[in-house]
């Protein structure tokens, strides 16, 4: 992959993260939310991603890389 494409991807990811943090700071300034509720949002998102990943790995027979291995 060319260096300019990698740099462009990194810049886009950093800009998206900065925009997300800026919007969340603006939202937190306007709404009073307990900190426990704010901590549950990333935990819930992580749990959702993990459940989807596990379901995909368990449910997909072609994903099992060890079936065709010779020992």
C-alpha atoms as a PDB file:
ATOM      1  CA  UNK A   1       0.000   0.000   0.000  1.00  0.00           C
ATOM      2  CA  UNK A   2       1.416   3.390  -0.934  1.00  0.00           C
ATOM      3  CA  UNK A   3       2.561   5.675   1.848  1.00  0.00           C
ATOM      4  CA  UNK A   4       0.229   8.500   0.847  1.00  0.00           C
ATOM      5  CA  UNK A   5      -2.808   6.220   1.171  1.00  0.00           C
ATOM      6  CA  UNK A   6      -1.731   5.078   4.655  1.00  0.00           C
ATOM      7  CA  UNK A   7      -1.213   8.680   5.736  1.00  0.00           C
ATOM      8  CA  UNK A   8      -4.628   9.630   4.329  1.00  0.00           C
ATOM      9  CA  UNK A   9      -6.300   6.802   6.264  1.00  0.00           C
ATOM     10  CA  UNK A  10      -4.535   7.787   9.491  1.00  0.00           C
ATOM     11  CA  UNK A  11      -5.503  11.447   9.044  1.00  0.00           C
ATOM     12  CA  UNK A  12      -9.136  10.496   8.388  1.00  0.00           C
ATOM     13  CA  UNK A  13      -9.261   8.269  11.475  1.00  0.00           C
ATOM     14  CA  UNK A  14      -7.739  10.975  13.678  1.00  0.00           C
ATOM     15  CA  UNK A  15     -10.153  13.577  12.291  1.00  0.00           C
ATOM     16  CA  UNK A  16     -13.143  11.292  12.903  1.00  0.00           C
ATOM     17  CA  UNK A  17     -11.993  10.603  16.467  1.00  0.00           C
ATOM     18  CA  UNK A  18     -11.517  14.315  17.120  1.00  0.00           C
ATOM     19  CA  UNK A  19     -14.977  15.105  15.734  1.00  0.00           C
ATOM     20  CA  UNK A  20     -16.511  12.385  17.896  1.00  0.00           C
ATOM     21  CA  UNK A  21     -14.825  13.692  21.028  1.00  0.00           C
ATOM     22  CA  UNK A  22     -15.822  17.277  20.207  1.00  0.00           C
ATOM     23  CA  UNK A  23     -19.465  16.319  19.662  1.00  0.00           C
ATOM     24  CA  UNK A  24     -19.555  14.270  22.856  1.00  0.00           C
ATOM     25  CA  UNK A  25     -18.117  17.185  24.842  1.00  0.00           C
ATOM     26  CA  UNK A  26     -20.803  19.463  23.408  1.00  0.00           C
ATOM     27  CA  UNK A  27     -23.481  16.927  24.274  1.00  0.00           C
ATOM     28  CA  UNK A  28     -22.179  16.479  27.811  1.00  0.00           C
ATOM     29  CA  UNK A  29     -22.142  20.221  28.331  1.00  0.00           C
ATOM     30  CA  UNK A  30     -25.843  20.482  27.528  1.00  0.00           C
ATOM     31  CA  UNK A  31     -27.156  17.334  29.233  1.00  0.00           C
ATOM     32  CA  UNK A  32     -26.569  16.224  32.795  1.00  0.00           C
ATOM     33  CA  UNK A  33     -25.967  12.487  32.732  1.00  0.00           C
ATOM     34  CA  UNK A  34     -24.510  10.355  35.530  1.00  0.00           C
ATOM     35  CA  UNK A  35     -21.007   9.121  34.814  1.00  0.00           C
ATOM     36  CA  UNK A  36     -22.071   5.492  35.280  1.00  0.00           C
ATOM     37  CA  UNK A  37     -24.475   5.808  32.360  1.00  0.00           C
ATOM     38  CA  UNK A  38     -21.685   7.254  30.219  1.00  0.00           C
ATOM     39  CA  UNK A  39     -19.403   4.361  31.117  1.00  0.00           C
ATOM     40  CA  UNK A  40     -22.066   1.852  30.100  1.00  0.00           C
ATOM     41  CA  UNK A  41     -22.254   3.122  26.521  1.00  0.00           C
ATOM     42  CA  UNK A  42     -18.798   1.872  25.413  1.00  0.00           C
ATOM     43  CA  UNK A  43     -19.244  -1.311  27.445  1.00  0.00           C
ATOM     44  CA  UNK A  44     -22.546  -2.015  25.696  1.00  0.00           C
ATOM     45  CA  UNK A  45     -21.017  -1.351  22.278  1.00  0.00           C
ATOM     46  CA  UNK A  46     -18.082  -3.655  23.031  1.00  0.00           C
ATOM     47  CA  UNK A  47     -20.415  -6.393  24.284  1.00  0.00           C
ATOM     48  CA  UNK A  48     -22.507  -6.071  21.114  1.00  0.00           C
ATOM     49  CA  UNK A  49     -19.442  -6.408  18.876  1.00  0.00           C
ATOM     50  CA  UNK A  50     -18.169  -9.410  20.837  1.00  0.00           C
ATOM     51  CA  UNK A  51     -21.542 -11.169  20.680  1.00  0.00           C
ATOM     52  CA  UNK A  52     -21.744 -10.589  16.927  1.00  0.00           C
ATOM     53  CA  UNK A  53     -18.181 -11.856  16.467  1.00  0.00           C
ATOM     54  CA  UNK A  54     -18.802 -15.008  18.510  1.00  0.00           C
ATOM     55  CA  UNK A  55     -22.081 -15.731  16.706  1.00  0.00           C
ATOM     56  CA  UNK A  56     -20.387 -15.346  13.339  1.00  0.00           C
ATOM     57  CA  UNK A  57     -17.475 -17.598  14.293  1.00  0.00           C
ATOM     58  CA  UNK A  58     -19.636 -20.312  15.839  1.00  0.00           C
ATOM     59  CA  UNK A  59     -22.328 -20.245  13.168  1.00  0.00           C
ATOM     60  CA  UNK A  60     -20.054 -20.221  10.110  1.00  0.00           C
ATOM     61  CA  UNK A  61     -18.602 -23.665   9.296  1.00  0.00           C
ATOM     62  CA  UNK A  62     -16.204 -22.269   6.685  1.00  0.00           C
ATOM     63  CA  UNK A  63     -14.549 -20.121   9.342  1.00  0.00           C
ATOM     64  CA  UNK A  64     -13.065 -23.158  11.147  1.00  0.00           C
ATOM     65  CA  UNK A  65      -9.442 -23.080   9.985  1.00  0.00           C
ATOM     66  CA  UNK A  66      -8.408 -26.222  11.845  1.00  0.00           C
ATOM     67  CA  UNK A  67     -10.688 -28.706  10.044  1.00  0.00           C
ATOM     68  CA  UNK A  68      -8.417 -29.203   7.038  1.00  0.00           C
ATOM     69  CA  UNK A  69      -5.099 -29.307   8.905  1.00  0.00           C
ATOM     70  CA  UNK A  70      -2.885 -32.386   8.844  1.00  0.00           C
ATOM     71  CA  UNK A  71      -1.199 -33.125  12.144  1.00  0.00           C
END
